[in-house]
Each structure stands twice: as C-alpha cells, then as structure tokens.
N, C-alpha and C. Protein backbone atom coordinates (compact mmCIF):
# COMPACT_ATOMS: atom_id res chain seq x y z
N UNK A 1 0.83 -1.19 0.00
CA UNK A 1 0.00 0.00 0.00
C UNK A 1 0.87 1.25 0.00
N UNK A 2 0.27 2.34 -0.44
CA UNK A 2 0.99 3.60 -0.52
C UNK A 2 1.18 4.24 0.84
N UNK A 3 2.36 4.77 1.09
CA UNK A 3 2.60 5.58 2.28
C UNK A 3 2.34 7.02 1.87
N UNK A 4 1.10 7.48 2.05
CA UNK A 4 0.71 8.80 1.55
C UNK A 4 1.25 9.95 2.38
N UNK A 5 1.82 9.68 3.56
CA UNK A 5 2.32 10.75 4.41
C UNK A 5 3.53 11.45 3.78
N UNK A 6 4.43 10.70 3.17
CA UNK A 6 5.66 11.28 2.62
C UNK A 6 5.75 11.14 1.12
N UNK A 7 4.62 11.02 0.44
CA UNK A 7 4.63 10.74 -0.99
C UNK A 7 3.75 11.73 -1.74
N UNK A 8 4.32 12.31 -2.81
CA UNK A 8 3.55 13.18 -3.68
C UNK A 8 3.63 12.61 -5.09
N UNK A 9 2.47 12.24 -5.67
CA UNK A 9 2.48 11.70 -7.03
C UNK A 9 3.01 12.71 -8.04
N UNK A 10 3.53 12.19 -9.15
CA UNK A 10 4.12 13.03 -10.19
C UNK A 10 3.12 14.04 -10.74
N UNK A 11 1.89 13.60 -11.04
CA UNK A 11 0.90 14.51 -11.60
C UNK A 11 0.46 15.57 -10.59
N UNK A 12 0.43 15.22 -9.30
CA UNK A 12 0.06 16.21 -8.29
C UNK A 12 1.13 17.29 -8.19
N UNK A 13 2.39 16.88 -8.23
CA UNK A 13 3.50 17.85 -8.20
C UNK A 13 3.47 18.73 -9.44
N UNK A 14 3.17 18.14 -10.60
CA UNK A 14 3.07 18.90 -11.83
C UNK A 14 1.90 19.89 -11.76
N UNK A 15 0.79 19.47 -11.18
CA UNK A 15 -0.37 20.35 -11.02
C UNK A 15 -0.01 21.55 -10.14
N UNK A 16 0.65 21.29 -9.02
CA UNK A 16 0.99 22.37 -8.09
C UNK A 16 2.02 23.33 -8.68
N UNK A 17 3.00 22.80 -9.43
CA UNK A 17 4.08 23.65 -9.92
C UNK A 17 3.80 24.34 -11.25
N UNK A 18 3.08 23.68 -12.17
CA UNK A 18 2.91 24.24 -13.52
C UNK A 18 1.45 24.51 -13.89
N UNK A 19 0.61 23.50 -13.73
CA UNK A 19 -0.75 23.55 -14.28
C UNK A 19 -1.59 24.63 -13.62
N UNK A 20 -1.46 24.81 -12.31
CA UNK A 20 -2.23 25.85 -11.61
C UNK A 20 -1.99 27.22 -12.23
N UNK A 21 -0.72 27.55 -12.45
CA UNK A 21 -0.38 28.86 -13.01
C UNK A 21 -0.92 29.01 -14.44
N UNK A 22 -0.83 27.95 -15.24
CA UNK A 22 -1.33 28.01 -16.61
C UNK A 22 -2.84 28.22 -16.65
N UNK A 23 -3.57 27.50 -15.80
CA UNK A 23 -5.02 27.65 -15.75
C UNK A 23 -5.44 29.02 -15.23
N UNK A 24 -4.70 29.53 -14.24
CA UNK A 24 -5.01 30.84 -13.67
C UNK A 24 -4.85 31.92 -14.74
N UNK A 25 -3.80 31.81 -15.55
CA UNK A 25 -3.57 32.77 -16.62
C UNK A 25 -4.59 32.60 -17.75
N UNK A 26 -4.88 31.35 -18.11
CA UNK A 26 -5.78 31.06 -19.23
C UNK A 26 -7.21 31.54 -18.98
N UNK A 27 -7.72 31.35 -17.76
CA UNK A 27 -9.10 31.70 -17.47
C UNK A 27 -9.24 32.98 -16.64
N UNK A 28 -8.13 33.60 -16.23
CA UNK A 28 -8.16 34.86 -15.50
C UNK A 28 -8.74 34.75 -14.10
N UNK A 29 -8.43 33.67 -13.40
CA UNK A 29 -8.92 33.51 -12.04
C UNK A 29 -8.24 34.53 -11.13
N UNK A 30 -8.99 35.07 -10.18
CA UNK A 30 -8.44 36.05 -9.24
C UNK A 30 -8.00 35.39 -7.94
N UNK A 31 -8.43 34.16 -7.71
CA UNK A 31 -8.16 33.48 -6.46
C UNK A 31 -7.71 32.05 -6.79
N UNK A 32 -6.74 31.53 -6.05
CA UNK A 32 -6.26 30.17 -6.30
C UNK A 32 -7.33 29.10 -6.05
N UNK A 33 -8.30 29.40 -5.19
CA UNK A 33 -9.36 28.44 -4.91
C UNK A 33 -10.35 28.30 -6.07
N UNK A 34 -10.31 29.22 -7.02
CA UNK A 34 -11.19 29.15 -8.19
C UNK A 34 -10.65 28.19 -9.25
N UNK A 35 -9.36 27.86 -9.15
CA UNK A 35 -8.72 27.00 -10.14
C UNK A 35 -9.29 25.59 -10.02
N UNK A 36 -9.78 25.01 -11.13
CA UNK A 36 -10.33 23.65 -11.05
C UNK A 36 -9.24 22.63 -10.76
N UNK A 37 -9.63 21.58 -10.07
CA UNK A 37 -8.71 20.49 -9.75
C UNK A 37 -9.48 19.17 -9.78
N UNK A 38 -8.76 18.08 -9.75
CA UNK A 38 -9.40 16.76 -9.73
C UNK A 38 -10.03 16.53 -8.36
N UNK A 39 -11.22 15.98 -8.36
CA UNK A 39 -11.91 15.68 -7.12
C UNK A 39 -11.84 14.18 -6.81
N UNK A 40 -12.24 13.34 -7.79
CA UNK A 40 -12.20 11.89 -7.59
C UNK A 40 -12.25 11.20 -8.95
N UNK A 41 -11.86 9.95 -8.95
CA UNK A 41 -12.00 9.09 -10.13
C UNK A 41 -12.75 7.83 -9.69
N UNK A 42 -13.82 7.53 -10.42
CA UNK A 42 -14.64 6.35 -10.11
C UNK A 42 -14.48 5.34 -11.24
N UNK A 43 -14.17 4.11 -10.89
CA UNK A 43 -14.07 3.01 -11.86
C UNK A 43 -15.23 2.06 -11.62
N UNK A 44 -15.82 1.55 -12.69
CA UNK A 44 -16.98 0.68 -12.59
C UNK A 44 -16.89 -0.44 -13.61
N UNK A 45 -17.12 -1.66 -13.17
CA UNK A 45 -17.23 -2.80 -14.07
C UNK A 45 -18.60 -3.41 -13.86
N UNK A 46 -19.39 -3.47 -14.91
CA UNK A 46 -20.69 -4.12 -14.85
C UNK A 46 -20.59 -5.49 -15.49
N UNK A 47 -20.86 -6.53 -14.72
CA UNK A 47 -20.74 -7.90 -15.23
C UNK A 47 -21.97 -8.34 -16.00
N UNK A 48 -23.12 -7.76 -15.70
CA UNK A 48 -24.34 -8.03 -16.43
C UNK A 48 -24.76 -9.48 -16.42
N UNK A 49 -25.07 -10.01 -17.61
CA UNK A 49 -25.61 -11.37 -17.73
C UNK A 49 -24.61 -12.43 -17.29
N UNK A 50 -23.32 -12.11 -17.33
CA UNK A 50 -22.32 -13.08 -16.88
C UNK A 50 -22.50 -13.36 -15.38
N UNK A 51 -22.76 -12.31 -14.60
CA UNK A 51 -22.92 -12.48 -13.16
C UNK A 51 -24.23 -13.17 -12.82
N UNK A 52 -25.24 -13.06 -13.68
CA UNK A 52 -26.51 -13.74 -13.45
C UNK A 52 -26.31 -15.25 -13.53
N UNK A 53 -25.53 -15.69 -14.53
CA UNK A 53 -25.28 -17.12 -14.71
C UNK A 53 -24.32 -17.68 -13.67
N UNK A 54 -23.30 -16.89 -13.30
CA UNK A 54 -22.27 -17.37 -12.37
C UNK A 54 -21.94 -16.26 -11.39
N UNK A 55 -22.27 -16.46 -10.12
CA UNK A 55 -22.08 -15.41 -9.11
C UNK A 55 -20.60 -15.14 -8.82
N UNK A 56 -19.71 -16.04 -9.22
CA UNK A 56 -18.28 -15.84 -8.98
C UNK A 56 -17.68 -14.81 -9.94
N UNK A 57 -18.39 -14.47 -11.01
CA UNK A 57 -17.89 -13.49 -11.98
C UNK A 57 -17.74 -12.11 -11.34
N UNK A 58 -18.69 -11.73 -10.49
CA UNK A 58 -18.61 -10.43 -9.82
C UNK A 58 -17.40 -10.39 -8.87
N UNK A 59 -17.12 -11.50 -8.22
CA UNK A 59 -15.95 -11.59 -7.33
C UNK A 59 -14.66 -11.48 -8.14
N UNK A 60 -14.62 -12.11 -9.32
CA UNK A 60 -13.46 -12.02 -10.19
C UNK A 60 -13.24 -10.58 -10.67
N UNK A 61 -14.34 -9.92 -11.05
CA UNK A 61 -14.24 -8.52 -11.47
C UNK A 61 -13.79 -7.63 -10.32
N UNK A 62 -14.27 -7.94 -9.10
CA UNK A 62 -13.86 -7.17 -7.92
C UNK A 62 -12.36 -7.30 -7.68
N UNK A 63 -11.85 -8.51 -7.79
CA UNK A 63 -10.41 -8.74 -7.60
C UNK A 63 -9.58 -7.99 -8.64
N UNK A 64 -10.02 -8.03 -9.90
CA UNK A 64 -9.29 -7.33 -10.96
C UNK A 64 -9.33 -5.83 -10.76
N UNK A 65 -10.48 -5.28 -10.39
CA UNK A 65 -10.60 -3.84 -10.18
C UNK A 65 -9.80 -3.40 -8.96
N UNK A 66 -9.74 -4.23 -7.93
CA UNK A 66 -8.92 -3.92 -6.76
C UNK A 66 -7.44 -3.89 -7.12
N UNK A 67 -7.02 -4.79 -7.99
CA UNK A 67 -5.63 -4.83 -8.44
C UNK A 67 -5.29 -3.58 -9.25
N UNK A 68 -6.20 -3.17 -10.13
CA UNK A 68 -5.96 -2.00 -10.98
C UNK A 68 -5.90 -0.72 -10.15
N UNK A 69 -6.83 -0.56 -9.21
CA UNK A 69 -6.94 0.70 -8.47
C UNK A 69 -6.00 0.79 -7.28
N UNK A 70 -5.62 -0.34 -6.72
CA UNK A 70 -4.75 -0.30 -5.54
C UNK A 70 -5.53 -0.18 -4.25
N UNK A 71 -6.85 -0.24 -4.31
CA UNK A 71 -7.66 -0.25 -3.11
C UNK A 71 -8.85 -1.18 -3.33
N UNK A 72 -9.49 -1.58 -2.25
CA UNK A 72 -10.54 -2.61 -2.33
C UNK A 72 -11.77 -2.08 -3.04
N UNK A 73 -12.23 -2.83 -4.03
CA UNK A 73 -13.44 -2.48 -4.77
C UNK A 73 -14.66 -3.04 -4.03
N UNK A 74 -15.81 -2.41 -4.28
CA UNK A 74 -17.07 -2.81 -3.66
C UNK A 74 -17.94 -3.50 -4.70
N UNK A 75 -18.58 -4.59 -4.31
CA UNK A 75 -19.50 -5.28 -5.22
C UNK A 75 -20.82 -4.52 -5.24
N UNK A 76 -21.33 -4.23 -6.45
CA UNK A 76 -22.62 -3.57 -6.59
C UNK A 76 -23.69 -4.64 -6.78
N UNK A 77 -24.84 -4.39 -6.16
CA UNK A 77 -25.92 -5.39 -6.18
C UNK A 77 -27.16 -4.80 -6.82
N UNK A 78 -28.02 -5.68 -7.33
CA UNK A 78 -29.27 -5.26 -7.96
C UNK A 78 -30.20 -4.65 -6.92
N UNK A 79 -30.82 -3.54 -7.28
CA UNK A 79 -31.77 -2.88 -6.36
C UNK A 79 -33.15 -3.50 -6.47
N UNK A 80 -33.51 -3.96 -7.66
CA UNK A 80 -34.83 -4.53 -7.90
C UNK A 80 -34.71 -5.87 -8.61
N UNK A 81 -35.72 -6.67 -8.49
CA UNK A 81 -35.80 -7.93 -9.23
C UNK A 81 -36.36 -7.64 -10.62
N UNK A 82 -35.76 -8.24 -11.65
CA UNK A 82 -36.25 -8.11 -13.02
C UNK A 82 -36.33 -9.51 -13.59
N UNK A 83 -37.56 -10.02 -13.69
CA UNK A 83 -37.76 -11.41 -14.09
C UNK A 83 -37.27 -11.68 -15.51
N UNK A 84 -37.45 -10.73 -16.42
CA UNK A 84 -37.03 -10.91 -17.81
C UNK A 84 -35.54 -11.11 -17.96
N UNK A 85 -34.76 -10.56 -17.06
CA UNK A 85 -33.30 -10.72 -17.10
C UNK A 85 -32.79 -11.75 -16.09
N UNK A 86 -33.72 -12.41 -15.38
CA UNK A 86 -33.39 -13.38 -14.34
C UNK A 86 -32.54 -12.77 -13.22
N UNK A 87 -32.84 -11.54 -12.89
CA UNK A 87 -32.11 -10.83 -11.85
C UNK A 87 -32.97 -10.78 -10.59
N UNK A 88 -32.40 -11.13 -9.47
CA UNK A 88 -33.08 -11.05 -8.18
C UNK A 88 -32.52 -9.87 -7.39
N UNK A 89 -33.30 -9.39 -6.48
CA UNK A 89 -32.87 -8.29 -5.62
C UNK A 89 -31.64 -8.73 -4.82
N UNK A 90 -30.67 -7.83 -4.66
CA UNK A 90 -29.41 -8.05 -3.94
C UNK A 90 -28.48 -9.05 -4.62
N UNK A 91 -28.70 -9.35 -5.88
CA UNK A 91 -27.81 -10.23 -6.64
C UNK A 91 -26.59 -9.40 -7.07
N UNK A 92 -25.36 -9.89 -6.87
CA UNK A 92 -24.18 -9.12 -7.30
C UNK A 92 -24.11 -9.03 -8.83
N UNK A 93 -23.99 -7.78 -9.34
CA UNK A 93 -23.98 -7.56 -10.78
C UNK A 93 -22.74 -6.84 -11.29
N UNK A 94 -21.92 -6.32 -10.40
CA UNK A 94 -20.74 -5.59 -10.85
C UNK A 94 -19.89 -5.17 -9.67
N UNK A 95 -19.00 -4.23 -9.92
CA UNK A 95 -18.11 -3.74 -8.88
C UNK A 95 -17.68 -2.32 -9.20
N UNK A 96 -17.35 -1.56 -8.16
CA UNK A 96 -16.92 -0.18 -8.36
C UNK A 96 -15.91 0.21 -7.29
N UNK A 97 -15.16 1.27 -7.60
CA UNK A 97 -14.20 1.81 -6.63
C UNK A 97 -14.08 3.31 -6.88
N UNK A 98 -13.95 4.08 -5.79
CA UNK A 98 -13.77 5.52 -5.86
C UNK A 98 -12.39 5.85 -5.30
N UNK A 99 -11.59 6.55 -6.11
CA UNK A 99 -10.23 6.92 -5.68
C UNK A 99 -10.13 8.42 -5.48
N UNK A 100 -9.42 8.81 -4.45
CA UNK A 100 -9.15 10.23 -4.18
C UNK A 100 -7.68 10.35 -3.77
N UNK A 101 -7.19 11.56 -3.77
CA UNK A 101 -5.85 11.82 -3.27
C UNK A 101 -4.75 11.20 -4.11
N UNK A 102 -3.73 10.65 -3.44
CA UNK A 102 -2.54 10.13 -4.12
C UNK A 102 -2.88 8.97 -5.06
N UNK A 103 -3.77 8.09 -4.64
CA UNK A 103 -4.13 6.95 -5.51
C UNK A 103 -4.79 7.43 -6.79
N UNK A 104 -5.60 8.49 -6.69
CA UNK A 104 -6.27 9.04 -7.87
C UNK A 104 -5.25 9.57 -8.87
N UNK A 105 -4.27 10.33 -8.39
CA UNK A 105 -3.24 10.87 -9.28
C UNK A 105 -2.37 9.77 -9.86
N UNK A 106 -2.04 8.75 -9.06
CA UNK A 106 -1.24 7.63 -9.57
C UNK A 106 -2.00 6.86 -10.64
N UNK A 107 -3.30 6.63 -10.42
CA UNK A 107 -4.09 5.92 -11.41
C UNK A 107 -4.17 6.72 -12.71
N UNK A 108 -4.43 8.02 -12.61
CA UNK A 108 -4.52 8.85 -13.83
C UNK A 108 -3.20 8.84 -14.59
N UNK A 109 -2.10 8.89 -13.87
CA UNK A 109 -0.78 8.84 -14.51
C UNK A 109 -0.59 7.52 -15.25
N UNK A 110 -0.91 6.39 -14.60
CA UNK A 110 -0.78 5.08 -15.24
C UNK A 110 -1.74 4.94 -16.42
N UNK A 111 -2.94 5.49 -16.28
CA UNK A 111 -3.93 5.41 -17.35
C UNK A 111 -3.43 6.13 -18.60
N UNK A 112 -2.91 7.34 -18.44
CA UNK A 112 -2.50 8.17 -19.58
C UNK A 112 -1.18 7.69 -20.18
N UNK A 113 -0.21 7.35 -19.35
CA UNK A 113 1.13 7.05 -19.86
C UNK A 113 1.36 5.57 -20.18
N UNK A 114 0.64 4.66 -19.51
CA UNK A 114 0.91 3.23 -19.70
C UNK A 114 -0.26 2.52 -20.38
N UNK A 115 -1.46 2.65 -19.83
CA UNK A 115 -2.59 1.83 -20.29
C UNK A 115 -3.14 2.28 -21.64
N UNK A 116 -3.40 3.56 -21.83
CA UNK A 116 -4.00 4.02 -23.09
C UNK A 116 -3.13 3.73 -24.31
N UNK A 117 -1.81 3.89 -24.22
CA UNK A 117 -0.99 3.52 -25.39
C UNK A 117 -1.04 2.03 -25.73
N UNK A 118 -1.49 1.18 -24.81
CA UNK A 118 -1.59 -0.26 -25.06
C UNK A 118 -2.89 -0.64 -25.74
N UNK A 119 -3.82 0.31 -25.91
CA UNK A 119 -5.09 0.02 -26.57
C UNK A 119 -4.83 -0.16 -28.07
N UNK A 120 -5.37 -1.23 -28.63
CA UNK A 120 -5.18 -1.51 -30.04
C UNK A 120 -5.88 -0.45 -30.89
N UNK A 121 -5.21 0.05 -31.93
CA UNK A 121 -5.73 1.08 -32.85
C UNK A 121 -6.21 2.32 -32.11
N UNK A 122 -5.44 2.78 -31.13
CA UNK A 122 -5.84 3.92 -30.31
C UNK A 122 -5.60 5.23 -31.05
N UNK A 123 -6.65 6.03 -31.16
CA UNK A 123 -6.55 7.33 -31.82
C UNK A 123 -6.96 8.46 -30.90
N UNK A 124 -6.99 8.22 -29.63
CA UNK A 124 -7.41 9.24 -28.67
C UNK A 124 -8.83 8.97 -28.19
N UNK A 125 -9.24 9.72 -27.18
CA UNK A 125 -10.59 9.58 -26.64
C UNK A 125 -11.40 10.82 -27.00
N UNK A 126 -12.70 10.67 -27.04
CA UNK A 126 -13.58 11.76 -27.44
C UNK A 126 -13.50 12.92 -26.46
N UNK A 127 -13.47 14.11 -26.99
CA UNK A 127 -13.47 15.31 -26.15
C UNK A 127 -14.86 15.83 -25.88
N UNK A 128 -15.88 15.03 -26.19
CA UNK A 128 -17.26 15.48 -26.07
C UNK A 128 -18.02 14.79 -24.95
N UNK A 129 -17.37 13.99 -24.16
CA UNK A 129 -18.06 13.19 -23.14
C UNK A 129 -18.13 13.88 -21.79
N UNK A 130 -18.27 15.20 -21.79
CA UNK A 130 -18.42 15.95 -20.55
C UNK A 130 -19.90 16.07 -20.22
N UNK A 131 -20.24 16.19 -18.96
CA UNK A 131 -21.65 16.18 -18.54
C UNK A 131 -22.26 17.57 -18.38
N UNK A 132 -21.52 18.64 -18.65
CA UNK A 132 -22.05 19.99 -18.49
C UNK A 132 -21.65 20.61 -17.17
N UNK A 133 -21.15 19.81 -16.23
CA UNK A 133 -20.73 20.31 -14.92
C UNK A 133 -19.25 20.10 -14.67
N UNK A 134 -18.48 19.81 -15.72
CA UNK A 134 -17.04 19.66 -15.56
C UNK A 134 -16.58 18.26 -15.23
N UNK A 135 -17.42 17.26 -15.40
CA UNK A 135 -17.03 15.87 -15.15
C UNK A 135 -16.93 15.14 -16.49
N UNK A 136 -15.98 14.19 -16.56
CA UNK A 136 -15.70 13.51 -17.82
C UNK A 136 -15.84 12.00 -17.61
N UNK A 137 -16.50 11.32 -18.55
CA UNK A 137 -16.68 9.88 -18.47
C UNK A 137 -16.36 9.23 -19.80
N UNK A 138 -15.73 8.07 -19.76
CA UNK A 138 -15.46 7.30 -20.96
C UNK A 138 -15.37 5.83 -20.61
N UNK A 139 -15.41 4.98 -21.62
CA UNK A 139 -15.36 3.54 -21.41
C UNK A 139 -14.10 2.94 -21.99
N UNK A 140 -13.68 1.85 -21.39
CA UNK A 140 -12.55 1.06 -21.86
C UNK A 140 -13.11 -0.32 -22.18
N UNK A 141 -12.81 -0.84 -23.36
CA UNK A 141 -13.40 -2.11 -23.78
C UNK A 141 -12.81 -3.33 -23.09
N UNK A 142 -11.52 -3.27 -22.75
CA UNK A 142 -10.87 -4.41 -22.11
C UNK A 142 -10.02 -3.92 -20.95
N UNK A 143 -10.19 -4.50 -19.79
CA UNK A 143 -9.41 -4.09 -18.63
C UNK A 143 -7.99 -4.65 -18.65
N UNK A 144 -7.69 -5.50 -19.62
CA UNK A 144 -6.36 -6.12 -19.68
C UNK A 144 -5.29 -5.16 -20.19
N UNK A 145 -5.66 -3.91 -20.52
CA UNK A 145 -4.65 -2.94 -20.95
C UNK A 145 -3.79 -2.47 -19.79
N UNK A 146 -4.23 -2.73 -18.57
CA UNK A 146 -3.45 -2.31 -17.40
C UNK A 146 -2.37 -3.36 -17.12
N UNK A 147 -1.14 -2.92 -16.87
CA UNK A 147 -0.04 -3.88 -16.68
C UNK A 147 -0.17 -4.70 -15.40
N UNK A 148 -0.99 -4.26 -14.45
CA UNK A 148 -1.15 -5.01 -13.20
C UNK A 148 -1.90 -6.33 -13.42
N UNK A 149 -2.67 -6.41 -14.48
CA UNK A 149 -3.47 -7.59 -14.76
C UNK A 149 -2.61 -8.61 -15.50
N UNK A 150 -2.49 -9.79 -14.93
CA UNK A 150 -1.74 -10.87 -15.56
C UNK A 150 -2.64 -11.52 -16.60
N UNK A 151 -2.29 -11.35 -17.85
CA UNK A 151 -3.12 -11.81 -18.97
C UNK A 151 -3.37 -13.32 -18.92
N UNK A 152 -2.42 -14.09 -18.42
CA UNK A 152 -2.54 -15.54 -18.39
C UNK A 152 -3.51 -16.03 -17.31
N UNK A 153 -3.73 -15.24 -16.27
CA UNK A 153 -4.52 -15.70 -15.14
C UNK A 153 -5.97 -15.21 -15.14
N UNK A 154 -6.35 -14.37 -16.11
CA UNK A 154 -7.73 -13.88 -16.11
C UNK A 154 -8.65 -14.87 -16.80
N UNK A 155 -9.88 -14.95 -16.31
CA UNK A 155 -10.84 -15.86 -16.94
C UNK A 155 -11.76 -15.14 -17.90
N UNK A 156 -11.87 -13.82 -17.77
CA UNK A 156 -12.75 -13.05 -18.63
C UNK A 156 -12.23 -11.62 -18.76
N UNK A 157 -12.40 -11.04 -19.93
CA UNK A 157 -12.00 -9.65 -20.16
C UNK A 157 -13.22 -8.76 -19.95
N UNK A 158 -13.09 -7.79 -19.05
CA UNK A 158 -14.21 -6.91 -18.69
C UNK A 158 -14.07 -5.55 -19.34
N UNK A 159 -15.20 -4.95 -19.65
CA UNK A 159 -15.23 -3.54 -20.02
C UNK A 159 -15.29 -2.72 -18.75
N UNK A 160 -14.93 -1.46 -18.85
CA UNK A 160 -14.83 -0.65 -17.64
C UNK A 160 -15.22 0.79 -17.93
N UNK A 161 -15.93 1.42 -17.00
CA UNK A 161 -16.27 2.83 -17.09
C UNK A 161 -15.31 3.61 -16.20
N UNK A 162 -14.82 4.75 -16.70
CA UNK A 162 -13.96 5.63 -15.94
C UNK A 162 -14.62 6.99 -15.88
N UNK A 163 -14.88 7.49 -14.68
CA UNK A 163 -15.49 8.80 -14.50
C UNK A 163 -14.51 9.67 -13.73
N UNK A 164 -14.14 10.81 -14.34
CA UNK A 164 -13.21 11.75 -13.71
C UNK A 164 -14.02 12.96 -13.27
N UNK A 165 -14.15 13.15 -11.97
CA UNK A 165 -14.90 14.28 -11.41
C UNK A 165 -13.92 15.40 -11.06
N UNK A 166 -14.24 16.61 -11.51
CA UNK A 166 -13.40 17.77 -11.23
C UNK A 166 -14.22 18.82 -10.49
N UNK A 167 -13.55 19.85 -10.00
CA UNK A 167 -14.25 20.96 -9.35
C UNK A 167 -14.56 22.08 -10.35
N UNK A 168 -14.32 21.84 -11.63
CA UNK A 168 -14.57 22.86 -12.65
C UNK A 168 -16.07 23.15 -12.77
N UNK A 169 -16.41 24.40 -13.06
CA UNK A 169 -17.81 24.80 -13.22
C UNK A 169 -18.32 24.54 -14.63
N UNK A 170 -17.42 24.58 -15.63
CA UNK A 170 -17.82 24.40 -17.02
C UNK A 170 -17.00 23.28 -17.66
N UNK A 171 -17.50 22.80 -18.79
CA UNK A 171 -16.79 21.75 -19.52
C UNK A 171 -15.48 22.26 -20.10
N UNK A 172 -15.45 23.54 -20.51
CA UNK A 172 -14.23 24.10 -21.09
C UNK A 172 -13.09 24.12 -20.07
N UNK A 173 -13.41 24.47 -18.83
CA UNK A 173 -12.41 24.48 -17.77
C UNK A 173 -11.91 23.06 -17.48
N UNK A 174 -12.84 22.11 -17.42
CA UNK A 174 -12.45 20.72 -17.14
C UNK A 174 -11.60 20.16 -18.28
N UNK A 175 -11.97 20.47 -19.51
CA UNK A 175 -11.20 19.96 -20.65
C UNK A 175 -9.79 20.56 -20.65
N UNK A 176 -9.68 21.84 -20.32
CA UNK A 176 -8.35 22.47 -20.23
C UNK A 176 -7.52 21.81 -19.14
N UNK A 177 -8.14 21.53 -18.00
CA UNK A 177 -7.43 20.86 -16.90
C UNK A 177 -6.91 19.50 -17.34
N UNK A 178 -7.77 18.69 -17.98
CA UNK A 178 -7.35 17.36 -18.41
C UNK A 178 -6.33 17.42 -19.54
N UNK A 179 -6.42 18.43 -20.42
CA UNK A 179 -5.42 18.58 -21.48
C UNK A 179 -4.05 18.87 -20.89
N UNK A 180 -4.01 19.66 -19.81
CA UNK A 180 -2.73 19.95 -19.14
C UNK A 180 -2.14 18.69 -18.50
N UNK A 181 -3.01 17.73 -18.15
CA UNK A 181 -2.53 16.44 -17.65
C UNK A 181 -2.16 15.49 -18.79
N UNK A 182 -2.18 15.98 -20.05
CA UNK A 182 -1.86 15.22 -21.27
C UNK A 182 -2.88 14.13 -21.58
N UNK A 183 -4.15 14.38 -21.27
CA UNK A 183 -5.21 13.44 -21.64
C UNK A 183 -5.30 13.46 -23.16
N UNK A 184 -5.24 12.29 -23.83
CA UNK A 184 -5.16 12.23 -25.29
C UNK A 184 -6.53 12.40 -25.98
N UNK A 185 -7.04 13.64 -26.01
CA UNK A 185 -8.30 13.90 -26.71
C UNK A 185 -8.06 13.89 -28.21
N UNK A 186 -9.05 13.38 -28.97
CA UNK A 186 -8.89 13.36 -30.42
C UNK A 186 -9.62 14.52 -31.09
N UNK A 187 -10.31 15.34 -30.32
CA UNK A 187 -10.98 16.51 -30.90
C UNK A 187 -10.89 17.69 -29.96
C-alpha cells in the first residue's frame, strides 16, 4: 500500500508547480481556490448477464478492479428484481471503486502514460463526453490494458467505465485541466 504521508504523485506535483499557473492565466482567475482540480475518479465494471449465470464473476471482477486501483473495490448489487433478465434483488452484478488523493493521481498517470498507449488502434478519446458540470466519463473495452493484470490468469475480459470528477464549473475548464494532464483527446 501507498505511504501517503511522505509521498507526492508526479501529476500532483506537476499540477501544483505548472498547471495551476497556466489555468489561472488562461481563465483569468483572481483566487487560487477558483482553479479547477481533480476531485475523484470512479471506476466501474458491470458484469451483467455473466454475473446472473455465475455469481463468482462479480468476485473475479472485484479482484481485478482492486488490483488495478490499488484499493478494495465494492461489489454492486441489484436494487430490484427483473424477471425478464433473471435478476433477483441483492444479486451481485458488478463492482466499483472511488479513488481520491494520491491513488487518484497515480491511477490517472498510469492510465495516460501506460494503459492508453496499449489500446489496439488507439486514436485518442472523445473530447465530447463531458456532462455539463465539468465531469468527464469514458469507457474502456478491455481491462487487460493495465499492466497489473496478468493476462494468463484472467478468466474473462471486462469492459470498464472511468469517471473523472473535477471541481470545474464548465466543460471548457475541465477539458483544459485534463489537457494539461496530457489526456489524449482526439478533438
């Protein structure tokens, strides 16, 4: 586990030393507290019909997501029963994890510099997936792009949702913040 008391991630140091000043100049902020920053990163794997057939699939996805994030993932359960999908209430259907602080910056660094370049035929991610409040979400088709996952030991390749929450008020501010972190937007 990370010793966060004496450790500053590379992206956090870069944010404090360079990115803050660039954003302050770019948007004309009068106060340092107005400068947008990363709030949290949420990862989600939905197992769907696989978990309905085999309840161990959600546990497998939880283990993989815990390995990727560096902290324990939580199993998500069905809120309602849906007979057409053979889903019962409280049936495990996926897993999620919320990262903040040093783990969040470390994950973003690994995502941008290591994992995304490993995606086959990668041409960047869409710059249009903002929600209007400065948060960005995108999907990854295979979780095996992360080097922590041992390709030989996985039983199934999962898709994954990545949600990056910022303190930005507008999408333009959030996009500028992520561009300064070298997020590979294609537009």
